[in-house]
All heavy atoms as atom14 arrays in JSON, in Angstrom:
{
  "sequence": "AALPPLEAGQVRYRTFAGQRDCDDCWSAQSAAATERRPVPLRRRATSL",
  "atom14_mask": [
    [1, 1, 1, 1, 1, 0, 0, 0, 0, 0, 0, 0, 0, 0],
    [1, 1, 1, 1, 1, 0, 0, 0, 0, 0, 0, 0, 0, 0],
    [1, 1, 1, 1, 1, 1, 1, 1, 0, 0, 0, 0, 0, 0],
    [1, 1, 1, 1, 1, 1, 1, 0, 0, 0, 0, 0, 0, 0],
    [1, 1, 1, 1, 1, 1, 1, 0, 0, 0, 0, 0, 0, 0],
    [1, 1, 1, 1, 1, 1, 1, 1, 0, 0, 0, 0, 0, 0],
    [1, 1, 1, 1, 1, 1, 1, 1, 1, 0, 0, 0, 0, 0],
    [1, 1, 1, 1, 1, 0, 0, 0, 0, 0, 0, 0, 0, 0],
    [1, 1, 1, 1, 0, 0, 0, 0, 0, 0, 0, 0, 0, 0],
    [1, 1, 1, 1, 1, 1, 1, 1, 1, 0, 0, 0, 0, 0],
    [1, 1, 1, 1, 1, 1, 1, 0, 0, 0, 0, 0, 0, 0],
    [1, 1, 1, 1, 1, 1, 1, 1, 1, 1, 1, 0, 0, 0],
    [1, 1, 1, 1, 1, 1, 1, 1, 1, 1, 1, 1, 0, 0],
    [1, 1, 1, 1, 1, 1, 1, 1, 1, 1, 1, 0, 0, 0],
    [1, 1, 1, 1, 1, 1, 1, 0, 0, 0, 0, 0, 0, 0],
    [1, 1, 1, 1, 1, 1, 1, 1, 1, 1, 1, 0, 0, 0],
    [1, 1, 1, 1, 1, 0, 0, 0, 0, 0, 0, 0, 0, 0],
    [1, 1, 1, 1, 0, 0, 0, 0, 0, 0, 0, 0, 0, 0],
    [1, 1, 1, 1, 1, 1, 1, 1, 1, 0, 0, 0, 0, 0],
    [1, 1, 1, 1, 1, 1, 1, 1, 1, 1, 1, 0, 0, 0],
    [1, 1, 1, 1, 1, 1, 1, 1, 0, 0, 0, 0, 0, 0],
    [1, 1, 1, 1, 1, 1, 0, 0, 0, 0, 0, 0, 0, 0],
    [1, 1, 1, 1, 1, 1, 1, 1, 0, 0, 0, 0, 0, 0],
    [1, 1, 1, 1, 1, 1, 1, 1, 0, 0, 0, 0, 0, 0],
    [1, 1, 1, 1, 1, 1, 0, 0, 0, 0, 0, 0, 0, 0],
    [1, 1, 1, 1, 1, 1, 1, 1, 1, 1, 1, 1, 1, 1],
    [1, 1, 1, 1, 1, 1, 0, 0, 0, 0, 0, 0, 0, 0],
    [1, 1, 1, 1, 1, 0, 0, 0, 0, 0, 0, 0, 0, 0],
    [1, 1, 1, 1, 1, 1, 1, 1, 1, 0, 0, 0, 0, 0],
    [1, 1, 1, 1, 1, 1, 0, 0, 0, 0, 0, 0, 0, 0],
    [1, 1, 1, 1, 1, 0, 0, 0, 0, 0, 0, 0, 0, 0],
    [1, 1, 1, 1, 1, 0, 0, 0, 0, 0, 0, 0, 0, 0],
    [1, 1, 1, 1, 1, 0, 0, 0, 0, 0, 0, 0, 0, 0],
    [1, 1, 1, 1, 1, 1, 1, 0, 0, 0, 0, 0, 0, 0],
    [1, 1, 1, 1, 1, 1, 1, 1, 1, 0, 0, 0, 0, 0],
    [1, 1, 1, 1, 1, 1, 1, 1, 1, 1, 1, 0, 0, 0],
    [1, 1, 1, 1, 1, 1, 1, 1, 1, 1, 1, 0, 0, 0],
    [1, 1, 1, 1, 1, 1, 1, 0, 0, 0, 0, 0, 0, 0],
    [1, 1, 1, 1, 1, 1, 1, 0, 0, 0, 0, 0, 0, 0],
    [1, 1, 1, 1, 1, 1, 1, 0, 0, 0, 0, 0, 0, 0],
    [1, 1, 1, 1, 1, 1, 1, 1, 0, 0, 0, 0, 0, 0],
    [1, 1, 1, 1, 1, 1, 1, 1, 1, 1, 1, 0, 0, 0],
    [1, 1, 1, 1, 1, 1, 1, 1, 1, 1, 1, 0, 0, 0],
    [1, 1, 1, 1, 1, 1, 1, 1, 1, 1, 1, 0, 0, 0],
    [1, 1, 1, 1, 1, 0, 0, 0, 0, 0, 0, 0, 0, 0],
    [1, 1, 1, 1, 1, 1, 1, 0, 0, 0, 0, 0, 0, 0],
    [1, 1, 1, 1, 1, 1, 0, 0, 0, 0, 0, 0, 0, 0],
    [1, 1, 1, 1, 1, 1, 1, 1, 0, 0, 0, 0, 0, 0]
  ],
  "atom14_positions": [
    [[19.84, -133.42, -52.96], [19.62, -133.36, -54.37], [18.21, -133.71, -54.8], [17.72, -134.71, -54.27], [20.6, -134.02, -55.23], [0.0, 0.0, 0.0], [0.0, 0.0, 0.0], [0.0, 0.0, 0.0], [0.0, 0.0, 0.0], [0.0, 0.0, 0.0], [0.0, 0.0, 0.0], [0.0, 0.0, 0.0], [0.0, 0.0, 0.0], [0.0, 0.0, 0.0]],
    [[17.6, -133.0, -55.62], [16.2, -133.42, -55.99], [16.33, -134.73, -56.87], [17.29, -134.83, -57.81], [15.66, -132.25, -56.85], [0.0, 0.0, 0.0], [0.0, 0.0, 0.0], [0.0, 0.0, 0.0], [0.0, 0.0, 0.0], [0.0, 0.0, 0.0], [0.0, 0.0, 0.0], [0.0, 0.0, 0.0], [0.0, 0.0, 0.0], [0.0, 0.0, 0.0]],
    [[15.32, -135.6, -56.65], [15.35, -136.77, -57.52], [14.84, -136.41, -58.85], [13.95, -135.57, -59.05], [14.4, -137.88, -56.84], [14.93, -138.32, -55.5], [13.77, -139.17, -54.88], [16.18, -139.19, -55.61], [0.0, 0.0, 0.0], [0.0, 0.0, 0.0], [0.0, 0.0, 0.0], [0.0, 0.0, 0.0], [0.0, 0.0, 0.0], [0.0, 0.0, 0.0]],
    [[15.32, -137.17, -59.88], [14.8, -136.91, -61.26], [13.28, -137.22, -61.39], [12.85, -138.27, -60.7], [15.66, -137.76, -62.16], [16.21, -138.9, -61.24], [16.27, -138.22, -59.86], [0.0, 0.0, 0.0], [0.0, 0.0, 0.0], [0.0, 0.0, 0.0], [0.0, 0.0, 0.0], [0.0, 0.0, 0.0], [0.0, 0.0, 0.0], [0.0, 0.0, 0.0]],
    [[12.61, -136.56, -62.2], [11.15, -136.85, -62.38], [10.94, -138.37, -62.98], [11.81, -138.72, -63.72], [10.7, -135.79, -63.28], [11.94, -135.2, -63.93], [13.01, -135.34, -63.05], [0.0, 0.0, 0.0], [0.0, 0.0, 0.0], [0.0, 0.0, 0.0], [0.0, 0.0, 0.0], [0.0, 0.0, 0.0], [0.0, 0.0, 0.0], [0.0, 0.0, 0.0]],
    [[9.84, -138.86, -62.59], [9.54, -140.24, -63.16], [8.9, -140.06, -64.56], [8.07, -139.15, -64.74], [8.63, -141.03, -62.31], [9.07, -141.25, -60.83], [8.08, -141.83, -59.94], [10.27, -142.4, -61.0], [0.0, 0.0, 0.0], [0.0, 0.0, 0.0], [0.0, 0.0, 0.0], [0.0, 0.0, 0.0], [0.0, 0.0, 0.0], [0.0, 0.0, 0.0]],
    [[9.21, -141.03, -65.34], [8.62, -141.16, -66.77], [7.3, -141.93, -66.58], [7.12, -142.68, -65.59], [9.53, -141.76, -67.67], [10.87, -140.81, -67.88], [11.79, -141.62, -68.76], [11.47, -142.59, -69.42], [13.03, -141.04, -68.92], [0.0, 0.0, 0.0], [0.0, 0.0, 0.0], [0.0, 0.0, 0.0], [0.0, 0.0, 0.0], [0.0, 0.0, 0.0]],
    [[6.49, -141.83, -67.52], [5.23, -142.71, -67.5], [5.56, -144.16, -67.37], [6.42, -144.65, -68.21], [4.47, -142.42, -68.85], [0.0, 0.0, 0.0], [0.0, 0.0, 0.0], [0.0, 0.0, 0.0], [0.0, 0.0, 0.0], [0.0, 0.0, 0.0], [0.0, 0.0, 0.0], [0.0, 0.0, 0.0], [0.0, 0.0, 0.0], [0.0, 0.0, 0.0]],
    [[4.84, -144.77, -66.52], [5.06, -146.25, -66.22], [6.13, -146.58, -65.36], [6.36, -147.75, -65.06], [0.0, 0.0, 0.0], [0.0, 0.0, 0.0], [0.0, 0.0, 0.0], [0.0, 0.0, 0.0], [0.0, 0.0, 0.0], [0.0, 0.0, 0.0], [0.0, 0.0, 0.0], [0.0, 0.0, 0.0], [0.0, 0.0, 0.0], [0.0, 0.0, 0.0]],
    [[6.99, -145.63, -64.98], [8.11, -145.88, -64.08], [7.75, -145.87, -62.67], [6.8, -145.07, -62.16], [9.15, -144.85, -64.33], [10.53, -145.12, -63.95], [11.54, -144.02, -64.39], [11.22, -142.96, -64.53], [12.87, -144.51, -64.5], [0.0, 0.0, 0.0], [0.0, 0.0, 0.0], [0.0, 0.0, 0.0], [0.0, 0.0, 0.0], [0.0, 0.0, 0.0]],
    [[8.35, -146.75, -61.75], [7.91, -146.82, -60.38], [9.22, -146.66, -59.61], [10.3, -147.28, -59.99], [7.25, -148.17, -60.06], [7.02, -148.32, -58.6], [6.03, -148.37, -60.92], [0.0, 0.0, 0.0], [0.0, 0.0, 0.0], [0.0, 0.0, 0.0], [0.0, 0.0, 0.0], [0.0, 0.0, 0.0], [0.0, 0.0, 0.0], [0.0, 0.0, 0.0]],
    [[9.21, -145.91, -58.52], [10.44, -145.81, -57.64], [9.94, -146.09, -56.23], [8.92, -145.74, -55.72], [10.86, -144.29, -57.73], [12.02, -143.99, -56.67], [12.24, -142.53, -56.68], [12.56, -142.03, -58.04], [12.34, -140.77, -58.33], [11.68, -139.95, -57.52], [12.53, -140.31, -59.63], [0.0, 0.0, 0.0], [0.0, 0.0, 0.0], [0.0, 0.0, 0.0]],
    [[10.85, -146.96, -55.48], [10.62, -147.34, -54.16], [11.74, -146.63, -53.37], [12.95, -146.73, -53.56], [10.67, -148.83, -53.9], [9.62, -149.59, -54.55], [9.46, -150.08, -55.79], [8.34, -149.83, -53.71], [8.35, -150.64, -56.3], [7.35, -150.42, -54.22], [7.28, -150.92, -55.58], [6.2, -151.63, -56.07], [0.0, 0.0, 0.0], [0.0, 0.0, 0.0]],
    [[11.3, -146.0, -52.17], [12.27, -145.39, -51.41], [12.03, -145.79, -49.97], [10.79, -146.03, -49.45], [12.11, -143.83, -51.33], [12.62, -143.37, -52.62], [12.81, -141.79, -52.76], [11.57, -141.15, -52.34], [11.44, -140.03, -51.8], [12.51, -139.3, -51.48], [10.26, -139.42, -51.42], [0.0, 0.0, 0.0], [0.0, 0.0, 0.0], [0.0, 0.0, 0.0]],
    [[13.01, -145.77, -48.95], [12.61, -146.14, -47.67], [11.98, -144.94, -46.94], [12.12, -143.79, -47.33], [13.95, -146.31, -46.88], [14.9, -145.27, -46.89], [14.68, -147.63, -47.36], [0.0, 0.0, 0.0], [0.0, 0.0, 0.0], [0.0, 0.0, 0.0], [0.0, 0.0, 0.0], [0.0, 0.0, 0.0], [0.0, 0.0, 0.0], [0.0, 0.0, 0.0]],
    [[11.02, -145.28, -45.98], [10.34, -144.25, -45.31], [10.45, -144.56, -43.86], [10.27, -145.67, -43.31], [8.8, -144.31, -45.65], [7.92, -143.35, -44.92], [8.0, -142.11, -45.28], [7.16, -143.91, -43.9], [7.1, -141.2, -44.58], [6.25, -143.01, -43.32], [6.27, -141.71, -43.53], [0.0, 0.0, 0.0], [0.0, 0.0, 0.0], [0.0, 0.0, 0.0]],
    [[10.89, -143.48, -43.12], [11.22, -143.78, -41.62], [10.22, -142.9, -40.72], [10.56, -142.69, -39.66], [12.7, -143.38, -41.33], [0.0, 0.0, 0.0], [0.0, 0.0, 0.0], [0.0, 0.0, 0.0], [0.0, 0.0, 0.0], [0.0, 0.0, 0.0], [0.0, 0.0, 0.0], [0.0, 0.0, 0.0], [0.0, 0.0, 0.0], [0.0, 0.0, 0.0]],
    [[9.19, -142.43, -41.34], [8.2, -141.55, -40.61], [7.17, -142.41, -39.83], [7.3, -143.64, -39.77], [0.0, 0.0, 0.0], [0.0, 0.0, 0.0], [0.0, 0.0, 0.0], [0.0, 0.0, 0.0], [0.0, 0.0, 0.0], [0.0, 0.0, 0.0], [0.0, 0.0, 0.0], [0.0, 0.0, 0.0], [0.0, 0.0, 0.0], [0.0, 0.0, 0.0]],
    [[6.27, -141.67, -39.26], [5.21, -142.38, -38.41], [3.91, -142.4, -39.33], [3.22, -141.4, -39.4], [4.99, -141.58, -37.24], [6.13, -141.47, -36.23], [6.18, -142.82, -35.54], [5.13, -143.32, -35.15], [7.38, -143.25, -35.23], [0.0, 0.0, 0.0], [0.0, 0.0, 0.0], [0.0, 0.0, 0.0], [0.0, 0.0, 0.0], [0.0, 0.0, 0.0]],
    [[3.65, -143.49, -40.01], [2.51, -143.45, -40.9], [2.14, -144.96, -41.1], [3.0, -145.81, -41.13], [2.87, -142.81, -42.29], [1.53, -142.69, -43.07], [1.73, -141.77, -44.16], [0.62, -141.85, -45.02], [0.04, -140.9, -45.75], [0.73, -139.71, -45.79], [-1.05, -141.01, -46.58], [0.0, 0.0, 0.0], [0.0, 0.0, 0.0], [0.0, 0.0, 0.0]],
    [[0.75, -145.18, -41.22], [0.4, -146.59, -41.46], [0.53, -146.93, -42.93], [0.36, -145.9, -43.83], [-0.99, -146.76, -41.03], [-1.22, -146.66, -39.46], [-0.24, -147.05, -38.82], [-2.31, -146.44, -39.02], [0.0, 0.0, 0.0], [0.0, 0.0, 0.0], [0.0, 0.0, 0.0], [0.0, 0.0, 0.0], [0.0, 0.0, 0.0], [0.0, 0.0, 0.0]],
    [[0.48, -148.23, -43.19], [0.54, -148.64, -44.68], [-0.84, -148.41, -45.29], [-1.76, -148.76, -44.66], [0.87, -150.19, -44.56], [0.7, -150.99, -46.14], [0.0, 0.0, 0.0], [0.0, 0.0, 0.0], [0.0, 0.0, 0.0], [0.0, 0.0, 0.0], [0.0, 0.0, 0.0], [0.0, 0.0, 0.0], [0.0, 0.0, 0.0], [0.0, 0.0, 0.0]],
    [[-0.76, -147.89, -46.5], [-2.08, -147.55, -47.15], [-2.85, -148.76, -47.61], [-4.1, -148.85, -47.41], [-1.76, -146.74, -48.35], [-1.25, -145.31, -48.2], [-1.52, -144.88, -46.99], [-0.62, -144.75, -48.96], [0.0, 0.0, 0.0], [0.0, 0.0, 0.0], [0.0, 0.0, 0.0], [0.0, 0.0, 0.0], [0.0, 0.0, 0.0], [0.0, 0.0, 0.0]],
    [[-2.14, -149.93, -47.95], [-2.84, -151.11, -48.32], [-3.35, -151.77, -47.12], [-4.49, -152.46, -47.13], [-1.88, -152.13, -49.03], [-1.54, -151.55, -50.43], [-2.12, -150.67, -50.89], [-0.67, -152.44, -51.11], [0.0, 0.0, 0.0], [0.0, 0.0, 0.0], [0.0, 0.0, 0.0], [0.0, 0.0, 0.0], [0.0, 0.0, 0.0], [0.0, 0.0, 0.0]],
    [[-2.67, -151.78, -46.01], [-3.21, -152.37, -44.69], [-4.5, -151.6, -44.25], [-5.62, -152.18, -43.94], [-2.27, -152.32, -43.58], [-0.79, -153.41, -43.8], [0.0, 0.0, 0.0], [0.0, 0.0, 0.0], [0.0, 0.0, 0.0], [0.0, 0.0, 0.0], [0.0, 0.0, 0.0], [0.0, 0.0, 0.0], [0.0, 0.0, 0.0], [0.0, 0.0, 0.0]],
    [[-4.48, -150.32, -44.54], [-5.64, -149.38, -44.07], [-6.74, -149.72, -44.97], [-7.92, -149.92, -44.48], [-5.21, -148.03, -44.19], [-6.29, -147.07, -43.66], [-6.43, -146.63, -42.38], [-7.38, -146.46, -44.4], [-7.46, -145.86, -42.27], [-8.09, -145.77, -43.54], [-7.78, -146.51, -45.66], [-9.27, -145.06, -43.91], [-8.92, -145.92, -46.14], [-9.66, -145.04, -45.11]],
    [[-6.55, -149.98, -46.27], [-7.67, -150.23, -47.18], [-8.2, -151.64, -46.89], [-9.55, -151.76, -46.92], [-7.16, -150.19, -48.66], [-6.6, -149.01, -48.96], [0.0, 0.0, 0.0], [0.0, 0.0, 0.0], [0.0, 0.0, 0.0], [0.0, 0.0, 0.0], [0.0, 0.0, 0.0], [0.0, 0.0, 0.0], [0.0, 0.0, 0.0], [0.0, 0.0, 0.0]],
    [[-7.39, -152.71, -46.63], [-7.85, -153.96, -46.33], [-8.68, -153.92, -45.04], [-9.71, -154.61, -44.86], [-6.67, -154.89, -46.22], [0.0, 0.0, 0.0], [0.0, 0.0, 0.0], [0.0, 0.0, 0.0], [0.0, 0.0, 0.0], [0.0, 0.0, 0.0], [0.0, 0.0, 0.0], [0.0, 0.0, 0.0], [0.0, 0.0, 0.0], [0.0, 0.0, 0.0]],
    [[-8.15, -153.15, -43.95], [-8.87, -153.09, -42.73], [-10.24, -152.39, -42.94], [-11.19, -152.86, -42.27], [-7.96, -152.3, -41.7], [-8.45, -152.39, -40.25], [-7.51, -151.74, -39.31], [-7.05, -150.63, -39.63], [-7.18, -152.42, -38.24], [0.0, 0.0, 0.0], [0.0, 0.0, 0.0], [0.0, 0.0, 0.0], [0.0, 0.0, 0.0], [0.0, 0.0, 0.0]],
    [[-10.26, -151.27, -43.62], [-11.61, -150.6, -43.73], [-12.58, -151.57, -44.65], [-13.85, -151.55, -44.23], [-11.51, -149.32, -44.42], [-10.95, -149.41, -45.73], [0.0, 0.0, 0.0], [0.0, 0.0, 0.0], [0.0, 0.0, 0.0], [0.0, 0.0, 0.0], [0.0, 0.0, 0.0], [0.0, 0.0, 0.0], [0.0, 0.0, 0.0], [0.0, 0.0, 0.0]],
    [[-12.05, -152.3, -45.53], [-12.96, -153.14, -46.3], [-13.49, -154.23, -45.42], [-14.61, -154.64, -45.57], [-12.16, -153.74, -47.56], [0.0, 0.0, 0.0], [0.0, 0.0, 0.0], [0.0, 0.0, 0.0], [0.0, 0.0, 0.0], [0.0, 0.0, 0.0], [0.0, 0.0, 0.0], [0.0, 0.0, 0.0], [0.0, 0.0, 0.0], [0.0, 0.0, 0.0]],
    [[-12.6, -154.85, -44.63], [-13.03, -155.91, -43.67], [-14.17, -155.41, -42.73], [-15.06, -156.12, -42.45], [-11.89, -156.48, -42.96], [0.0, 0.0, 0.0], [0.0, 0.0, 0.0], [0.0, 0.0, 0.0], [0.0, 0.0, 0.0], [0.0, 0.0, 0.0], [0.0, 0.0, 0.0], [0.0, 0.0, 0.0], [0.0, 0.0, 0.0], [0.0, 0.0, 0.0]],
    [[-13.93, -154.24, -42.27], [-14.96, -153.59, -41.24], [-16.25, -153.36, -41.93], [-17.25, -153.6, -41.31], [-14.36, -152.27, -40.77], [0.0, 0.0, 0.0], [0.0, 0.0, 0.0], [0.0, 0.0, 0.0], [0.0, 0.0, 0.0], [0.0, 0.0, 0.0], [0.0, 0.0, 0.0], [0.0, 0.0, 0.0], [0.0, 0.0, 0.0], [0.0, 0.0, 0.0]],
    [[-16.3, -152.93, -43.17], [-17.59, -152.7, -43.89], [-18.22, -154.06, -44.11], [-19.41, -154.13, -44.24], [-17.41, -151.82, -45.15], [-16.5, -152.56, -46.02], [-16.93, -150.48, -44.84], [0.0, 0.0, 0.0], [0.0, 0.0, 0.0], [0.0, 0.0, 0.0], [0.0, 0.0, 0.0], [0.0, 0.0, 0.0], [0.0, 0.0, 0.0], [0.0, 0.0, 0.0]],
    [[-17.55, -155.12, -44.51], [-18.18, -156.33, -44.81], [-18.36, -157.17, -43.48], [-18.77, -158.3, -43.67], [-17.15, -157.15, -45.65], [-16.97, -156.4, -47.08], [-15.98, -157.07, -47.87], [-15.45, -158.18, -47.46], [-15.65, -156.6, -49.05], [0.0, 0.0, 0.0], [0.0, 0.0, 0.0], [0.0, 0.0, 0.0], [0.0, 0.0, 0.0], [0.0, 0.0, 0.0]],
    [[-18.01, -156.68, -42.36], [-18.28, -157.26, -41.12], [-17.53, -158.57, -40.92], [-18.14, -159.69, -40.65], [-19.79, -157.55, -40.69], [-20.57, -156.22, -40.73], [-21.45, -156.11, -39.6], [-22.28, -155.03, -39.66], [-22.04, -153.92, -39.03], [-21.01, -153.84, -38.38], [-22.85, -152.86, -39.01], [0.0, 0.0, 0.0], [0.0, 0.0, 0.0], [0.0, 0.0, 0.0]],
    [[-16.32, -158.7, -41.4], [-15.5, -159.91, -41.21], [-14.32, -159.47, -40.3], [-14.06, -158.38, -40.03], [-15.08, -160.5, -42.5], [-14.47, -159.55, -43.43], [-14.22, -160.26, -44.76], [-13.76, -159.26, -45.86], [-12.37, -159.04, -46.08], [-11.55, -159.67, -45.37], [-12.1, -158.12, -46.92], [0.0, 0.0, 0.0], [0.0, 0.0, 0.0], [0.0, 0.0, 0.0]],
    [[-13.49, -160.49, -39.87], [-12.35, -160.15, -39.03], [-11.37, -159.23, -39.6], [-11.15, -159.21, -40.79], [-11.68, -161.46, -38.81], [-12.7, -162.59, -39.08], [-13.66, -161.92, -40.04], [0.0, 0.0, 0.0], [0.0, 0.0, 0.0], [0.0, 0.0, 0.0], [0.0, 0.0, 0.0], [0.0, 0.0, 0.0], [0.0, 0.0, 0.0], [0.0, 0.0, 0.0]],
    [[-10.98, -158.29, -38.91], [-10.21, -157.13, -39.27], [-8.78, -157.46, -39.17], [-8.2, -157.75, -38.17], [-10.45, -155.85, -38.57], [-9.63, -154.68, -39.03], [-12.0, -155.49, -38.63], [0.0, 0.0, 0.0], [0.0, 0.0, 0.0], [0.0, 0.0, 0.0], [0.0, 0.0, 0.0], [0.0, 0.0, 0.0], [0.0, 0.0, 0.0], [0.0, 0.0, 0.0]],
    [[-8.02, -157.37, -40.24], [-6.59, -157.68, -40.26], [-5.81, -156.52, -39.54], [-6.41, -155.52, -39.44], [-6.11, -157.8, -41.71], [-7.12, -156.92, -42.44], [-8.49, -156.97, -41.75], [0.0, 0.0, 0.0], [0.0, 0.0, 0.0], [0.0, 0.0, 0.0], [0.0, 0.0, 0.0], [0.0, 0.0, 0.0], [0.0, 0.0, 0.0], [0.0, 0.0, 0.0]],
    [[-4.55, -156.89, -39.14], [-3.68, -155.83, -38.44], [-3.32, -154.7, -39.58], [-3.1, -155.11, -40.69], [-2.41, -156.51, -37.97], [-2.66, -157.47, -36.77], [-1.24, -158.22, -36.47], [-3.24, -156.75, -35.56], [0.0, 0.0, 0.0], [0.0, 0.0, 0.0], [0.0, 0.0, 0.0], [0.0, 0.0, 0.0], [0.0, 0.0, 0.0], [0.0, 0.0, 0.0]],
    [[-3.03, -153.58, -38.84], [-2.56, -152.46, -39.62], [-1.1, -152.2, -39.29], [-0.72, -152.11, -38.15], [-3.43, -151.24, -39.5], [-3.04, -150.06, -40.47], [-3.74, -148.85, -40.18], [-5.14, -149.05, -39.77], [-5.81, -147.99, -39.34], [-5.42, -146.81, -39.21], [-7.19, -148.27, -38.94], [0.0, 0.0, 0.0], [0.0, 0.0, 0.0], [0.0, 0.0, 0.0]],
    [[-0.21, -152.27, -40.31], [1.26, -152.19, -40.01], [1.83, -150.82, -40.38], [1.12, -150.0, -41.14], [2.08, -153.21, -40.75], [1.66, -154.65, -40.37], [2.53, -155.76, -41.05], [2.18, -155.98, -42.3], [1.16, -156.82, -42.71], [0.5, -157.39, -41.66], [0.85, -157.13, -43.89], [0.0, 0.0, 0.0], [0.0, 0.0, 0.0], [0.0, 0.0, 0.0]],
    [[2.88, -150.51, -39.66], [3.59, -149.19, -40.09], [4.2, -149.24, -41.48], [4.81, -150.27, -41.9], [4.67, -148.81, -39.16], [4.13, -148.49, -37.68], [3.7, -147.06, -37.65], [3.28, -146.81, -36.34], [2.64, -145.67, -36.15], [2.15, -144.93, -37.08], [2.23, -145.31, -34.84], [0.0, 0.0, 0.0], [0.0, 0.0, 0.0], [0.0, 0.0, 0.0]],
    [[4.24, -148.1, -42.14], [4.86, -147.99, -43.46], [6.46, -147.89, -43.29], [6.84, -147.25, -42.44], [4.39, -146.82, -44.15], [0.0, 0.0, 0.0], [0.0, 0.0, 0.0], [0.0, 0.0, 0.0], [0.0, 0.0, 0.0], [0.0, 0.0, 0.0], [0.0, 0.0, 0.0], [0.0, 0.0, 0.0], [0.0, 0.0, 0.0], [0.0, 0.0, 0.0]],
    [[7.13, -148.78, -44.07], [8.59, -148.76, -44.14], [9.16, -148.14, -45.53], [10.3, -147.97, -45.58], [9.11, -150.04, -43.77], [8.63, -151.07, -44.75], [8.77, -150.47, -42.36], [0.0, 0.0, 0.0], [0.0, 0.0, 0.0], [0.0, 0.0, 0.0], [0.0, 0.0, 0.0], [0.0, 0.0, 0.0], [0.0, 0.0, 0.0], [0.0, 0.0, 0.0]],
    [[8.24, -148.13, -46.48], [8.65, -147.68, -47.89], [7.66, -146.75, -48.52], [6.55, -146.78, -48.1], [9.02, -148.74, -48.67], [7.89, -149.57, -48.91], [0.0, 0.0, 0.0], [0.0, 0.0, 0.0], [0.0, 0.0, 0.0], [0.0, 0.0, 0.0], [0.0, 0.0, 0.0], [0.0, 0.0, 0.0], [0.0, 0.0, 0.0], [0.0, 0.0, 0.0]],
    [[8.2, -146.09, -49.43], [7.28, -145.22, -50.22], [7.35, -145.63, -51.73], [8.42, -145.63, -52.21], [7.8, -143.66, -49.98], [7.03, -142.65, -50.67], [5.67, -142.44, -49.94], [7.74, -141.27, -50.53], [0.0, 0.0, 0.0], [0.0, 0.0, 0.0], [0.0, 0.0, 0.0], [0.0, 0.0, 0.0], [0.0, 0.0, 0.0], [0.0, 0.0, 0.0]]
  ]
}
């Protein structure tokens, strides 16, 4: 069944079982690499 559309300001979290990296980890890792400081680990995404 299709999920109902979100209204403005509404947030929905769902589980994710695919093969993808966390967007926040990726952003933190690229920022650390450009600033030449230790790079944090990148973890797999478990939610959407």
